[in-house]
Protein backbone atom coordinates (compact mmCIF):
# COMPACT_ATOMS: atom_id res chain seq x y z
CA MET A 1 11.71 0.90 -19.29
CA GLU A 2 15.00 -0.55 -18.11
CA ALA A 3 17.33 -1.47 -20.96
CA GLN A 4 16.60 -4.74 -22.77
CA GLU A 5 14.04 -5.90 -20.24
CA GLN A 6 10.41 -6.76 -20.71
CA PRO A 7 7.76 -4.37 -19.46
CA ILE A 8 6.74 -4.30 -15.83
CA VAL A 9 3.03 -5.00 -15.68
CA ALA A 10 2.33 -4.65 -11.94
CA ILE A 11 4.05 -3.66 -8.71
CA GLY A 12 3.07 -4.76 -5.19
CA VAL A 13 4.52 -2.85 -2.22
CA ASP A 14 4.66 -3.39 1.53
CA GLY A 15 6.37 -1.56 4.35
CA ALA A 16 9.76 -2.85 5.46
CA ARG A 17 12.32 -1.80 8.05
CA GLY A 18 14.49 -0.09 5.47
CA GLY A 19 11.62 1.58 3.61
CA TRP A 20 9.35 -0.20 1.15
CA VAL A 21 9.82 -3.60 -0.46
CA ALA A 22 8.35 -3.96 -3.93
CA ALA A 23 7.68 -7.14 -5.86
CA TYR A 24 7.23 -6.42 -9.53
CA LEU A 25 6.08 -8.58 -12.38
CA ARG A 26 7.50 -8.51 -15.89
CA ALA A 27 5.99 -10.05 -18.99
CA SER A 28 8.76 -12.30 -20.23
CA PRO A 29 8.83 -14.19 -23.55
CA LEU A 30 9.74 -17.82 -23.26
CA ASP A 31 12.13 -19.82 -25.43
CA GLU A 32 11.12 -20.07 -29.12
CA ARG A 33 10.62 -23.82 -28.66
CA ASP A 34 7.92 -23.08 -26.10
CA GLN A 35 5.10 -22.32 -28.52
CA VAL A 36 1.43 -23.16 -28.70
CA ASP A 37 -0.05 -23.39 -32.20
CA GLY A 38 2.91 -21.47 -33.63
CA HIS A 39 2.61 -18.59 -31.14
CA ALA A 40 5.13 -17.92 -28.39
CA ARG A 41 3.58 -17.94 -24.95
CA ALA A 42 4.27 -15.15 -22.54
CA GLY A 43 5.86 -16.07 -19.25
CA TRP A 44 6.27 -14.10 -16.08
CA GLN A 45 9.30 -12.99 -14.17
CA THR A 46 9.22 -11.46 -10.70
CA ALA A 47 11.80 -9.35 -8.95
CA LEU A 48 12.16 -7.73 -5.53
CA ARG A 49 13.59 -4.33 -4.73
CA LEU A 50 13.85 -2.19 -1.62
CA PHE A 51 13.06 1.52 -1.88
CA GLY A 52 13.99 4.00 0.84
CA ASP A 53 10.76 5.98 0.57
CA ILE A 54 7.65 6.45 -1.53
CA GLU A 55 9.26 9.14 -3.69
CA GLU A 56 12.01 6.71 -4.69
CA LEU A 57 9.38 4.10 -5.57
CA ALA A 58 7.41 6.64 -7.62
CA ALA A 59 10.57 7.67 -9.50
CA PHE A 60 11.26 4.01 -10.32
CA ARG A 61 7.72 3.63 -11.65
CA ARG A 62 7.98 6.79 -13.79
CA ARG A 63 11.27 5.59 -15.24
CA SER A 64 10.73 1.84 -15.54
CA ALA A 65 7.01 1.10 -15.44
CA PRO A 66 4.91 4.14 -16.36
CA GLU A 67 1.86 2.04 -17.19
CA ALA A 68 2.01 -0.31 -14.21
CA PRO A 69 -0.44 -0.06 -11.33
CA VAL A 70 1.11 -0.04 -7.86
CA CYS A 71 -0.76 -1.84 -5.08
CA ILE A 72 0.48 -0.76 -1.68
CA ASP A 73 -0.43 -2.51 1.55
CA VAL A 74 -1.39 0.51 3.64
CA PRO A 75 -4.69 2.36 3.86
CA ILE A 76 -5.07 5.28 1.47
CA GLY A 77 -7.85 7.82 1.96
CA LEU A 78 -7.96 8.10 5.72
CA PRO A 79 -11.11 8.75 7.70
CA ASP A 80 -11.54 11.72 10.02
CA ARG A 81 -12.50 9.31 12.81
CA VAL A 82 -11.07 5.94 13.80
CA GLY A 83 -13.24 3.33 12.16
CA TYR A 84 -13.62 1.10 9.16
CA ARG A 85 -14.04 2.66 5.76
CA PRO A 86 -16.56 1.08 3.34
CA CYS A 87 -13.71 -0.67 1.49
CA ASP A 88 -12.47 -2.16 4.79
CA LEU A 89 -15.92 -3.52 5.57
CA LYS A 90 -16.21 -5.05 2.10
CA ALA A 91 -12.76 -6.63 2.39
CA ARG A 92 -13.61 -8.06 5.82
CA GLU A 93 -16.85 -9.48 4.44
CA ARG A 94 -15.04 -11.17 1.55
CA LEU A 95 -12.30 -12.58 3.78
CA GLY A 96 -14.70 -14.40 6.08
CA ARG A 97 -12.70 -16.18 8.80
CA ARG A 98 -9.63 -14.08 7.98
CA ALA A 99 -11.51 -10.78 8.38
CA SER A 100 -9.37 -9.81 11.35
CA SER A 101 -6.43 -9.30 8.97
CA VAL A 102 -8.13 -6.05 7.89
CA PHE A 103 -7.76 -3.75 10.87
CA THR A 104 -9.05 -0.29 11.57
CA PRO A 105 -6.92 2.35 9.84
CA PRO A 106 -5.70 5.34 11.84
CA ALA A 107 -7.67 8.54 11.56
CA ARG A 108 -5.76 11.41 10.01
CA TYR A 109 -5.75 13.36 13.31
CA LEU A 110 -3.52 10.65 14.80
CA LEU A 111 -0.74 10.86 12.23
CA ASP A 112 1.19 13.57 14.04
CA VAL A 113 1.83 11.09 16.89
CA ALA A 114 2.36 8.09 14.59
CA GLY A 115 4.91 5.69 16.00
CA ASP A 116 4.00 6.25 19.65
CA TYR A 117 1.17 3.93 20.71
CA ALA A 118 0.84 5.54 24.15
CA LYS A 119 0.31 8.97 22.55
CA ILE A 120 -2.14 7.50 20.04
CA ARG A 121 -4.16 5.94 22.86
CA ALA A 122 -4.09 9.21 24.81
CA ARG A 123 -5.25 11.16 21.76
CA ILE A 124 -8.11 8.68 21.20
CA ALA A 125 -9.09 9.01 24.89
CA GLU A 126 -9.20 12.81 24.48
CA GLU A 127 -11.37 12.42 21.41
CA ARG A 128 -13.73 10.08 23.28
CA ASN A 129 -14.37 12.92 25.76
CA ARG A 130 -15.83 14.89 22.84
CA ASN A 131 -17.25 11.91 20.97
CA PRO A 132 -17.99 8.80 23.10
CA ALA A 133 -18.53 6.73 19.94
CA GLU A 134 -14.86 7.13 18.89
CA LYS A 135 -13.32 3.71 18.26
CA GLY A 136 -10.00 2.46 19.54
CA MET A 137 -7.05 1.37 17.45
CA SER A 138 -5.03 -1.83 17.69
CA ALA A 139 -1.32 -1.91 18.40
CA GLN A 140 -0.87 -3.40 14.93
CA ALA A 141 -2.61 -0.45 13.28
CA ALA A 142 -0.59 1.95 15.42
CA GLY A 143 2.58 0.10 14.41
CA ILE A 144 2.09 0.90 10.74
CA ALA A 145 0.96 4.47 11.38
CA PRO A 146 4.36 5.97 10.40
CA LYS A 147 4.13 4.21 7.01
CA VAL A 148 0.51 5.33 6.65
CA ARG A 149 1.61 8.91 7.42
CA GLU A 150 4.33 8.74 4.76
CA VAL A 151 1.91 7.51 2.10
CA ASP A 152 -0.87 9.89 3.16
CA THR A 153 1.44 12.90 2.99
CA TRP A 154 2.86 11.83 -0.37
CA VAL A 155 -0.55 11.13 -1.93
CA ARG A 156 -1.92 14.47 -0.77
CA GLU A 157 1.08 16.21 -2.38
CA HIS A 158 0.72 14.13 -5.59
CA PRO A 159 -3.01 13.85 -6.41
CA GLU A 160 -2.17 12.36 -9.84
CA SER A 161 -1.05 9.23 -8.00
CA GLU A 162 -4.73 8.36 -7.60
CA ASP A 163 -4.59 7.06 -11.17
CA TRP A 164 -1.99 4.39 -10.43
CA LEU A 165 -1.47 3.95 -6.67
CA LEU A 166 -4.02 1.51 -5.31
């Protein structure tokens, strides 16, 4: 835990141009005058921080928030084929009108061409020759493929992250 600071209880992460932006939440005691029935209420304090890569984020968590879950806004646990995973379908169902905000994640076989939408489309076309049921992938999904590749590689090298990286 960072010196003289309250514990971090949760971390939310999203991809950013310079790496990964994390918003983290600290439990923060309020002023002694702010009491209910003689008990101090807990408040919340948020902070933002940019990390260059997932390893830097994981090191921050180990050092400053070893109990905190980390929710990252990229798909984890990629399918072998382009298509929705059961969790994607459930999320789309729950979101109703906003279901389109959950897009098809890239299949793992596409990660070696992540960052090049033309190559991704060509690779999917090749796959459709073998499997006509292969789905396509949106430009938005292709756009985050480099971040997905970074997380996928890191998670596969650090299986213990399954306990805290959501």
